PDB file of N, CA and C in Angstrom:
ATOM      1  N   MET A   1      48.675  80.694  -7.340  1.00  0.00           N
ATOM      2  CA  MET A   1      48.328  82.176  -6.917  1.00  0.00           C
ATOM      3  C   MET A   1      48.574  82.031  -5.345  1.00  0.00           C
ATOM      4  N   SER A   2      48.054  81.156  -4.688  1.00  0.00           N
ATOM      5  CA  SER A   2      48.138  81.135  -3.220  1.00  0.00           C
ATOM      6  C   SER A   2      49.542  81.351  -2.502  1.00  0.00           C
ATOM      7  N   GLY A   3      50.219  80.403  -3.683  1.00  0.00           N
ATOM      8  CA  GLY A   3      51.930  80.112  -3.462  1.00  0.00           C
ATOM      9  C   GLY A   3      52.574  81.555  -3.410  1.00  0.00           C
ATOM     10  N   THR A   4      52.350  82.221  -4.448  1.00  0.00           N
ATOM     11  CA  THR A   4      52.766  83.582  -4.405  1.00  0.00           C
ATOM     12  C   THR A   4      52.519  84.482  -3.358  1.00  0.00           C
ATOM     13  N   TRP A   5      51.248  84.217  -3.076  1.00  0.00           N
ATOM     14  CA  TRP A   5      50.760  85.278  -1.899  1.00  0.00           C
ATOM     15  C   TRP A   5      51.517  84.908  -0.649  1.00  0.00           C
ATOM     16  N   ALA A   6      51.506  83.702  -0.444  1.00  0.00           N
ATOM     17  CA  ALA A   6      51.892  83.083   1.108  1.00  0.00           C
ATOM     18  C   ALA A   6      53.519  83.627   0.842  1.00  0.00           C
ATOM     19  N   SER A   7      54.124  83.595  -0.123  1.00  0.00           N
ATOM     20  CA  SER A   7      55.709  83.738  -0.146  1.00  0.00           C
ATOM     21  C   SER A   7      55.933  85.263   0.117  1.00  0.00           C
ATOM     22  N   ASP A   8      54.931  86.095  -0.688  1.00  0.00           N
ATOM     23  CA  ASP A   8      55.061  87.620  -0.290  1.00  0.00           C
ATOM     24  C   ASP A   8      54.690  88.140   1.031  1.00  0.00           C
ATOM     25  N   SER A   9      54.092  87.037   1.870  1.00  0.00           N
ATOM     26  CA  SER A   9      53.594  87.716   3.289  1.00  0.00           C
ATOM     27  C   SER A   9      53.946  86.431   4.127  1.00  0.00           C
ATOM     28  N   PRO A  10      55.256  86.190   4.715  1.00  0.00           N
ATOM     29  CA  PRO A  10      55.558  85.293   5.433  1.00  0.00           C
ATOM     30  C   PRO A  10      54.924  85.224   6.694  1.00  0.00           C
ATOM     31  N   GLY A  11      54.317  83.972   7.176  1.00  0.00           N
ATOM     32  CA  GLY A  11      53.571  83.915   8.233  1.00  0.00           C
ATOM     33  C   GLY A  11      52.233  84.043   8.158  1.00  0.00           C
ATOM     34  N   LEU A  12      51.495  84.940   7.083  1.00  0.00           N
ATOM     35  CA  LEU A  12      50.315  85.347   7.336  1.00  0.00           C
ATOM     36  C   LEU A  12      49.377  84.206   7.151  1.00  0.00           C
ATOM     37  N   ALA A  13      49.662  83.074   6.332  1.00  0.00           N
ATOM     38  CA  ALA A  13      48.849  81.858   6.254  1.00  0.00           C
ATOM     39  C   ALA A  13      48.672  81.179   7.677  1.00  0.00           C
ATOM     40  N   GLU A  14      49.724  80.951   8.109  1.00  0.00           N
ATOM     41  CA  GLU A  14      49.785  80.687   9.659  1.00  0.00           C
ATOM     42  C   GLU A  14      49.081  81.369  10.477  1.00  0.00           C
ATOM     43  N   ARG A  15      49.212  82.605  10.630  1.00  0.00           N
ATOM     44  CA  ARG A  15      48.018  83.470  11.344  1.00  0.00           C
ATOM     45  C   ARG A  15      46.568  83.460  11.117  1.00  0.00           C
ATOM     46  N   LEU A  16      46.163  83.308   9.840  1.00  0.00           N
ATOM     47  CA  LEU A  16      45.037  83.123   9.262  1.00  0.00           C
ATOM     48  C   LEU A  16      44.412  81.652   9.759  1.00  0.00           C
ATOM     49  N   ILE A  17      45.118  80.542   9.663  1.00  0.00           N
ATOM     50  CA  ILE A  17      44.751  79.353  10.083  1.00  0.00           C
ATOM     51  C   ILE A  17      44.718  79.079  11.489  1.00  0.00           C
ATOM     52  N   ALA A  18      45.469  79.955  12.217  1.00  0.00           N
ATOM     53  CA  ALA A  18      45.412  79.712  13.841  1.00  0.00           C
ATOM     54  C   ALA A  18      44.098  80.405  14.151  1.00  0.00           C
ATOM     55  N   GLY A  19      43.627  81.360  13.422  1.00  0.00           N
ATOM     56  CA  GLY A  19      42.410  82.200  13.617  1.00  0.00           C
ATOM     57  C   GLY A  19      40.915  81.439  13.353  1.00  0.00           C
ATOM     58  N   THR A  20      41.314  80.499  12.399  1.00  0.00           N
ATOM     59  CA  THR A  20      40.187  79.502  11.952  1.00  0.00           C
ATOM     60  C   THR A  20      39.308  78.371  13.140  1.00  0.00           C
ATOM     61  N   PRO A  21      38.196  78.445  13.349  1.00  0.00           N
ATOM     62  CA  PRO A  21      37.765  77.516  14.375  1.00  0.00           C
ATOM     63  C   PRO A  21      38.167  76.033  13.925  1.00  0.00           C
ATOM     64  N   LEU A  22      38.189  75.860  12.574  1.00  0.00           N
ATOM     65  CA  LEU A  22      38.493  74.519  12.377  1.00  0.00           C
ATOM     66  C   LEU A  22      40.208  73.833  12.290  1.00  0.00           C
ATOM     67  N   GLY A  23      40.768  74.995  12.569  1.00  0.00           N
ATOM     68  CA  GLY A  23      42.281  75.201  12.854  1.00  0.00           C
ATOM     69  C   GLY A  23      42.994  74.413  11.344  1.00  0.00           C
ATOM     70  N   ARG A  24      42.431  74.727  10.479  1.00  0.00           N
ATOM     71  CA  ARG A  24      43.158  74.195   9.084  1.00  0.00           C
ATOM     72  C   ARG A  24      42.655  75.362   7.938  1.00  0.00           C
ATOM     73  N   GLY A  25      43.092  75.238   6.997  1.00  0.00           N
ATOM     74  CA  GLY A  25      42.979  75.834   5.602  1.00  0.00           C
ATOM     75  C   GLY A  25      42.121  75.038   4.988  1.00  0.00           C
ATOM     76  N   ALA A  26      41.295  75.502   3.892  1.00  0.00           N
ATOM     77  CA  ALA A  26      40.367  74.785   3.158  1.00  0.00           C
ATOM     78  C   ALA A  26      40.970  73.831   1.989  1.00  0.00           C
ATOM     79  N   ASP A  27      40.528  72.791   1.859  1.00  0.00           N
ATOM     80  CA  ASP A  27      41.061  72.068   0.446  1.00  0.00           C
ATOM     81  C   ASP A  27      40.135  72.672  -0.362  1.00  0.00           C
ATOM     82  N   PRO A  28      40.786  72.988  -1.780  1.00  0.00           N
ATOM     83  CA  PRO A  28      40.215  73.402  -2.988  1.00  0.00           C
ATOM     84  C   PRO A  28      38.577  72.952  -3.098  1.00  0.00           C
ATOM     85  N   ALA A  29      38.700  71.599  -2.876  1.00  0.00           N
ATOM     86  CA  ALA A  29      37.582  70.509  -3.284  1.00  0.00           C
ATOM     87  C   ALA A  29      36.494  70.958  -2.100  1.00  0.00           C
ATOM     88  N   GLU A  30      36.822  71.649  -1.261  1.00  0.00           N
ATOM     89  CA  GLU A  30      35.853  71.658  -0.233  1.00  0.00           C
ATOM     90  C   GLU A  30      34.947  73.089  -0.754  1.00  0.00           C
ATOM     91  N   ILE A  31      35.712  74.189  -1.271  1.00  0.00           N
ATOM     92  CA  ILE A  31      35.202  75.224  -1.734  1.00  0.00           C
ATOM     93  C   ILE A  31      34.040  74.808  -3.022  1.00  0.00           C
ATOM     94  N   ALA A  32      34.933  73.984  -3.867  1.00  0.00           N
ATOM     95  CA  ALA A  32      34.283  73.516  -5.161  1.00  0.00           C
ATOM     96  C   ALA A  32      32.833  72.685  -4.783  1.00  0.00           C
ATOM     97  N   GLU A  33      32.853  71.860  -3.822  1.00  0.00           N
ATOM     98  CA  GLU A  33      31.649  71.259  -3.314  1.00  0.00           C
ATOM     99  C   GLU A  33      30.470  71.988  -3.162  1.00  0.00           C
ATOM    100  N   ALA A  34      30.718  73.435  -2.607  1.00  0.00           N
ATOM    101  CA  ALA A  34      29.814  74.346  -1.980  1.00  0.00           C
ATOM    102  C   ALA A  34      29.117  74.931  -3.376  1.00  0.00           C
ATOM    103  N   ALA A  35      30.394  75.247  -4.350  1.00  0.00           N
ATOM    104  CA  ALA A  35      29.600  76.082  -5.299  1.00  0.00           C
ATOM    105  C   ALA A  35      28.989  75.014  -6.555  1.00  0.00           C
ATOM    106  N   ALA A  36      29.384  73.845  -6.330  1.00  0.00           N
ATOM    107  CA  ALA A  36      28.659  72.953  -7.318  1.00  0.00           C
ATOM    108  C   ALA A  36      27.269  72.620  -6.686  1.00  0.00           C
ATOM    109  N   TRP A  37      27.031  72.453  -5.278  1.00  0.00           N
ATOM    110  CA  TRP A  37      25.901  72.076  -5.005  1.00  0.00           C
ATOM    111  C   TRP A  37      24.979  73.630  -5.325  1.00  0.00           C
ATOM    112  N   LEU A  38      25.450  74.842  -4.967  1.00  0.00           N
ATOM    113  CA  LEU A  38      24.697  75.939  -5.394  1.00  0.00           C
ATOM    114  C   LEU A  38      24.219  75.850  -6.930  1.00  0.00           C
ATOM    115  N   LEU A  39      25.266  75.346  -8.118  1.00  0.00           N
ATOM    116  CA  LEU A  39      24.828  75.118  -9.201  1.00  0.00           C
ATOM    117  C   LEU A  39      23.467  74.093  -9.477  1.00  0.00           C
ATOM    118  N   SER A  40      23.649  73.212  -8.683  1.00  0.00           N
ATOM    119  CA  SER A  40      22.751  71.891  -8.579  1.00  0.00           C
ATOM    120  C   SER A  40      21.554  72.223  -8.619  1.00  0.00           C
ATOM    121  N   ASP A  41      20.640  71.045  -9.265  1.00  0.00           N
ATOM    122  CA  ASP A  41      18.872  71.234  -8.705  1.00  0.00           C
ATOM    123  C   ASP A  41      18.714  71.132  -7.455  1.00  0.00           C
ATOM    124  N   ARG A  42      19.401  70.714  -6.503  1.00  0.00           N
ATOM    125  CA  ARG A  42      19.376  70.474  -5.211  1.00  0.00           C
ATOM    126  C   ARG A  42      19.341  71.767  -4.441  1.00  0.00           C
ATOM    127  N   ALA A  43      19.832  72.833  -4.951  1.00  0.00           N
ATOM    128  CA  ALA A  43      19.712  74.439  -4.595  1.00  0.00           C
ATOM    129  C   ALA A  43      18.630  75.245  -5.357  1.00  0.00           C
ATOM    130  N   SER A  44      17.797  74.433  -6.229  1.00  0.00           N
ATOM    131  CA  SER A  44      16.913  75.157  -7.055  1.00  0.00           C
ATOM    132  C   SER A  44      16.026  76.267  -6.282  1.00  0.00           C
ATOM    133  N   TYR A  45      15.745  76.013  -4.752  1.00  0.00           N
ATOM    134  CA  TYR A  45      14.908  76.896  -4.248  1.00  0.00           C
ATOM    135  C   TYR A  45      15.598  77.769  -3.199  1.00  0.00           C
ATOM    136  N   VAL A  46      16.997  77.928  -3.165  1.00  0.00           N
ATOM    137  CA  VAL A  46      17.903  78.802  -2.850  1.00  0.00           C
ATOM    138  C   VAL A  46      18.054  80.191  -3.479  1.00  0.00           C
ATOM    139  N   SER A  47      17.749  81.207  -2.713  1.00  0.00           N
ATOM    140  CA  SER A  47      17.845  82.424  -3.534  1.00  0.00           C
ATOM    141  C   SER A  47      18.273  83.653  -2.308  1.00  0.00           C
ATOM    142  N   GLY A  48      19.062  84.523  -2.832  1.00  0.00           N
ATOM    143  CA  GLY A  48      19.304  85.650  -1.924  1.00  0.00           C
ATOM    144  C   GLY A  48      19.797  85.283  -0.565  1.00  0.00           C
ATOM    145  N   THR A  49      21.038  84.383  -0.604  1.00  0.00           N
ATOM    146  CA  THR A  49      21.337  84.175   0.682  1.00  0.00           C
ATOM    147  C   THR A  49      23.120  84.115   0.330  1.00  0.00           C
ATOM    148  N   VAL A  50      23.792  84.240   1.440  1.00  0.00           N
ATOM    149  CA  VAL A  50      25.286  84.145   1.395  1.00  0.00           C
ATOM    150  C   VAL A  50      25.484  82.528   1.991  1.00  0.00           C
ATOM    151  N   LEU A  51      26.514  81.854   1.489  1.00  0.00           N
ATOM    152  CA  LEU A  51      26.673  80.639   2.066  1.00  0.00           C
ATOM    153  C   LEU A  51      28.413  80.755   2.482  1.00  0.00           C
ATOM    154  N   PRO A  52      28.467  80.899   3.701  1.00  0.00           N
ATOM    155  CA  PRO A  52      29.744  81.042   4.119  1.00  0.00           C
ATOM    156  C   PRO A  52      30.598  79.594   4.124  1.00  0.00           C
ATOM    157  N   VAL A  53      31.611  79.777   3.497  1.00  0.00           N
ATOM    158  CA  VAL A  53      32.527  78.333   3.299  1.00  0.00           C
ATOM    159  C   VAL A  53      33.645  78.791   3.919  1.00  0.00           C
ATOM    160  N   ASP A  54      33.778  79.095   5.108  1.00  0.00           N
ATOM    161  CA  ASP A  54      34.977  79.738   5.795  1.00  0.00           C
ATOM    162  C   ASP A  54      35.517  79.004   6.943  1.00  0.00           C
ATOM    163  N   GLY A  55      35.135  77.507   7.157  1.00  0.00           N
ATOM    164  CA  GLY A  55      35.808  76.943   8.544  1.00  0.00           C
ATOM    165  C   GLY A  55      35.439  77.415   9.661  1.00  0.00           C
ATOM    166  N   GLY A  56      34.332  78.331   9.893  1.00  0.00           N
ATOM    167  CA  GLY A  56      33.730  78.740  10.892  1.00  0.00           C
ATOM    168  C   GLY A  56      34.025  80.304  11.160  1.00  0.00           C
ATOM    169  N   MET A  57      34.761  81.028  10.346  1.00  0.00           N
ATOM    170  CA  MET A  57      35.341  82.154  10.866  1.00  0.00           C
ATOM    171  C   MET A  57      34.016  83.338  11.132  1.00  0.00           C
ATOM    172  N   ALA A  58      33.078  83.242  10.144  1.00  0.00           N
ATOM    173  CA  ALA A  58      31.734  83.977  10.479  1.00  0.00           C
ATOM    174  C   ALA A  58      30.942  83.489  11.544  1.00  0.00           C
ATOM    175  N   ALA A  59      31.109  82.314  12.176  1.00  0.00           N
ATOM    176  CA  ALA A  59      30.119  81.609  12.955  1.00  0.00           C
ATOM    177  C   ALA A  59      30.243  82.753  14.533  1.00  0.00           C
TER     178      ALA A  59
END
């Protein structure tokens, strides 16, 4: 899906990455780890919050 998006918008991925404080795109496993944590018992007391997994873009 992201491959098609990138080919339809040349240079867009590079511009987005350049604006990310971490200076790179996310590995899908990094996103999955955050979702897995929210689904785990370790996050049992977490409610009504937004967990940005965005490489520092919202910071």
